[in-house]
Amino acid sequence: MENHGFTVETAFGELNGKVAVNLKLLRRAFDNLYANLVKYAEPTAIIRIAYRREAGEALLKITNGISSRRESRESTDIGLNTCRRIMRMLGGSFETNETACVFTAEVRLPFSDNNCEETIK
């Protein structure tokens, strides 16, 4: 994001655990989030990215200002709906909240109870 001129502020908490995910699907969801930020985030507003452990889950929260140019760009929300579907497939969730000026996305993924190093495919 910083390579695109955005200012990014991070707050990373302790996670201490493993999540069992399909990396290809997870990457696709994060690519969609990244594309939405580049397209719709206000370049002069700080993008806040935080993660922490909460109630047995990994919680990632992204908050950004909404660009005033957004009105001139059409959106079908396909990227956000894809994120929602992927996170459900991975046993987690994807929620968004939007006000007139601020957009927030929350990704939750459950920690795996599997302590084995091998993953059954």
Protein backbone atom coordinates (compact mmCIF):
# COMPACT_ATOMS: atom_id res chain seq x y z
CA MET A 1 0.00 0.00 0.00
CA GLU A 2 2.86 2.34 0.81
CA ASN A 3 4.20 1.78 -2.72
CA HIS A 4 0.91 3.27 -3.97
CA GLY A 5 1.34 6.41 -1.84
CA PHE A 6 -0.82 5.37 1.10
CA THR A 7 0.17 5.79 4.73
CA VAL A 8 -0.24 2.57 6.69
CA GLU A 9 -0.44 2.27 10.46
CA THR A 10 -0.18 -1.18 12.04
CA ALA A 11 -1.02 -2.68 15.41
CA PHE A 12 -0.06 -6.31 15.70
CA GLY A 13 -0.96 -8.33 18.78
CA GLU A 14 0.08 -11.80 19.87
CA LEU A 15 -1.54 -14.65 17.96
CA ASN A 16 0.20 -17.78 19.35
CA GLY A 17 -1.53 -20.48 17.37
CA LYS A 18 -2.03 -22.03 13.97
CA VAL A 19 -4.79 -21.58 11.47
CA ALA A 20 -5.47 -24.32 8.96
CA VAL A 21 -6.23 -22.67 5.63
CA ASN A 22 -5.96 -23.18 1.91
CA LEU A 23 -3.27 -20.64 1.06
CA LYS A 24 -4.46 -20.24 -2.53
CA LEU A 25 -7.94 -19.26 -1.37
CA LEU A 26 -6.62 -17.01 1.39
CA ARG A 27 -4.32 -15.23 -1.07
CA ARG A 28 -7.26 -14.71 -3.43
CA ALA A 29 -9.30 -13.09 -0.65
CA PHE A 30 -6.43 -10.80 0.37
CA ASP A 31 -5.78 -9.89 -3.26
CA ASN A 32 -9.43 -8.77 -3.48
CA LEU A 33 -9.06 -6.70 -0.30
CA TYR A 34 -5.87 -5.11 -1.61
CA ALA A 35 -7.49 -4.27 -4.98
CA ASN A 36 -10.43 -2.63 -3.19
CA LEU A 37 -8.10 -0.53 -1.05
CA VAL A 38 -6.14 0.70 -4.06
CA LYS A 39 -9.35 1.45 -5.94
CA TYR A 40 -11.56 2.98 -3.22
CA ALA A 41 -9.43 4.15 -0.28
CA GLU A 42 -8.80 7.85 0.27
CA PRO A 43 -5.08 8.36 -0.52
CA THR A 44 -4.69 11.10 2.12
CA ALA A 45 -6.25 9.05 4.94
CA ILE A 46 -4.32 6.52 7.02
CA ILE A 47 -5.02 2.84 6.41
CA ARG A 48 -5.05 1.00 9.73
CA ILE A 49 -4.23 -2.69 9.81
CA ALA A 50 -4.40 -4.63 13.05
CA TYR A 51 -4.46 -8.23 14.09
CA ARG A 52 -4.79 -10.01 17.40
CA ARG A 53 -6.10 -13.16 19.03
CA GLU A 54 -9.71 -12.89 20.16
CA ALA A 55 -11.84 -15.70 21.57
CA GLY A 56 -9.95 -18.55 19.87
CA GLU A 57 -9.73 -16.77 16.54
CA ALA A 58 -7.24 -14.72 14.60
CA LEU A 59 -8.84 -11.32 13.96
CA LEU A 60 -7.56 -9.05 11.20
CA LYS A 61 -9.12 -5.60 10.98
CA ILE A 62 -8.53 -3.10 8.17
CA THR A 63 -9.92 0.43 8.37
CA ASN A 64 -9.58 3.13 5.74
CA GLY A 65 -11.09 6.39 4.64
CA ILE A 66 -13.37 6.20 1.60
CA SER A 67 -12.23 8.16 -1.44
CA SER A 68 -14.46 10.99 -2.59
CA ARG A 69 -13.82 9.65 -6.12
CA ARG A 70 -15.67 6.46 -5.22
CA GLU A 71 -18.96 7.81 -6.53
CA SER A 72 -17.50 7.99 -10.02
CA ARG A 73 -16.47 4.31 -9.94
CA GLU A 74 -19.01 1.57 -10.23
CA SER A 75 -18.78 -1.44 -7.98
CA THR A 76 -20.68 -4.71 -7.99
CA ASP A 77 -19.11 -5.80 -4.65
CA ILE A 78 -17.96 -9.03 -6.33
CA GLY A 79 -14.56 -8.76 -4.59
CA LEU A 80 -16.10 -8.35 -1.13
CA ASN A 81 -18.62 -11.12 -1.73
CA THR A 82 -15.79 -13.38 -2.87
CA CYS A 83 -13.92 -12.59 0.37
CA ARG A 84 -17.05 -13.48 2.36
CA ARG A 85 -17.46 -16.82 0.54
CA ILE A 86 -13.78 -17.75 0.88
CA MET A 87 -13.66 -17.00 4.61
CA ARG A 88 -16.79 -19.11 5.17
CA MET A 89 -15.14 -21.96 3.21
CA LEU A 90 -12.10 -21.64 5.51
CA GLY A 91 -14.32 -21.84 8.62
CA GLY A 92 -14.06 -18.14 9.36
CA SER A 93 -15.97 -14.98 8.61
CA PHE A 94 -15.65 -11.72 6.72
CA GLU A 95 -17.66 -8.70 7.80
CA THR A 96 -17.67 -5.15 6.53
CA ASN A 97 -19.01 -1.91 7.91
CA GLU A 98 -19.29 1.34 6.02
CA THR A 99 -20.18 4.87 7.04
CA ALA A 100 -20.14 7.95 4.83
CA CYS A 101 -16.37 8.31 5.26
CA VAL A 102 -14.93 5.09 6.73
CA PHE A 103 -14.79 1.48 5.54
CA THR A 104 -13.86 -1.39 7.88
CA ALA A 105 -13.26 -5.04 7.02
CA GLU A 106 -12.86 -7.76 9.64
CA VAL A 107 -11.48 -11.20 8.86
CA ARG A 108 -11.81 -13.94 11.48
CA LEU A 109 -10.21 -17.36 11.20
CA PRO A 110 -10.43 -20.04 13.90
CA PHE A 111 -7.25 -21.39 15.40
CA SER A 112 -6.65 -25.04 14.61
CA ASP A 113 -6.85 -27.57 17.44
CA ASN A 114 -4.65 -29.87 15.39
CA ASN A 115 -1.19 -29.97 16.94
CA CYS A 116 0.17 -32.29 14.23
CA GLU A 117 2.74 -30.89 11.84
CA GLU A 118 1.22 -32.83 8.92
CA THR A 119 -1.91 -31.73 7.16
CA ILE A 120 -4.21 -34.38 5.68
CA LYS A 121 -5.21 -33.48 2.14
